[in-house]
Protein backbone atom coordinates (compact mmCIF):
# COMPACT_ATOMS: atom_id res chain seq x y z
CA MET A 1 111.24 148.14 109.77
CA PRO A 2 113.05 145.29 107.97
CA PRO A 3 110.93 142.77 106.05
CA ARG A 4 110.06 139.56 107.85
CA LYS A 5 111.59 136.35 106.68
CA LYS A 6 109.01 133.72 105.85
CA LYS A 7 109.51 130.43 107.61
CA GLN A 8 110.04 127.68 105.05
CA GLN A 9 107.31 125.10 105.51
CA LYS A 10 108.30 121.45 105.56
CA VAL A 11 106.56 118.55 103.89
CA CYS A 12 106.25 114.93 105.00
CA ARG A 13 108.07 112.67 102.55
CA ASN A 14 105.64 109.81 103.30
CA CYS A 15 102.26 111.47 102.71
CA ASN A 16 103.21 114.84 101.08
CA ARG A 17 101.31 116.79 103.77
CA VAL A 18 102.58 120.30 104.61
CA VAL A 19 103.43 120.30 108.32
CA ASP A 20 103.96 123.09 110.83
CA GLY A 21 105.99 121.23 113.46
CA GLU A 22 108.82 118.74 113.40
CA ALA A 23 106.66 115.67 112.69
CA CYS A 24 103.62 114.83 110.58
CA VAL A 25 100.47 114.76 112.69
CA VAL A 26 98.74 112.30 110.34
CA CYS A 27 101.30 109.56 109.70
CA GLY A 28 103.66 110.38 112.59
CA SER A 29 106.78 110.50 110.42
CA ASN A 30 109.60 112.92 111.13
CA ASN A 31 111.07 112.37 107.65
CA LEU A 32 110.46 115.92 106.42
CA SER A 33 111.76 117.88 103.45
CA ASP A 34 112.00 121.59 102.73
CA ASP A 35 112.62 120.90 99.04
CA TRP A 36 109.17 120.68 97.48
CA ALA A 37 107.04 122.22 94.73
CA GLY A 38 103.34 122.75 94.04
CA TYR A 39 100.69 123.46 96.64
CA LEU A 40 97.31 121.76 96.90
CA VAL A 41 94.59 122.43 99.46
CA VAL A 42 91.98 119.68 99.74
CA ILE A 43 88.80 120.65 101.57
CA ASP A 44 86.45 117.82 100.63
CA PRO A 45 88.46 114.74 99.57
CA LYS A 46 85.38 112.56 99.02
CA ASN A 47 84.09 114.85 96.26
CA SER A 48 87.47 115.88 94.82
CA GLU A 49 88.63 114.13 91.66
CA ILE A 50 92.19 115.38 92.24
CA ALA A 51 92.24 113.99 95.80
CA LYS A 52 90.98 110.64 94.52
CA LYS A 53 93.65 110.56 91.81
CA LEU A 54 96.38 111.34 94.35
CA GLY A 55 95.03 108.94 96.99
CA ILE A 56 94.25 111.67 99.51
CA GLU A 57 91.59 110.67 102.05
CA LEU A 58 91.81 113.49 104.62
CA PRO A 59 91.49 117.25 104.11
CA GLY A 60 94.62 119.35 104.39
CA ARG A 61 97.51 121.07 102.64
CA PHE A 62 99.73 118.99 100.36
CA ALA A 63 102.80 119.35 98.16
CA LEU A 64 102.60 118.00 94.64
CA LYS A 65 106.29 117.13 94.35
CA VAL A 66 108.67 116.36 97.24
CA ARG A 67 112.39 115.89 96.76
């Protein structure tokens, strides 16, 4: 059985959120990029110093750098 190809996840260029579809469900943008680096999962943004520093207010998956 041949190995499966992983689907490249896309990232919203506006809010850096990793998205599964063709548009960001949070900000509604369809300006997506597949050229990104770094992966951050925020579970509790109110108690996360990193989320506060990055301006993240909602839990989710985020890219650290989007090109």
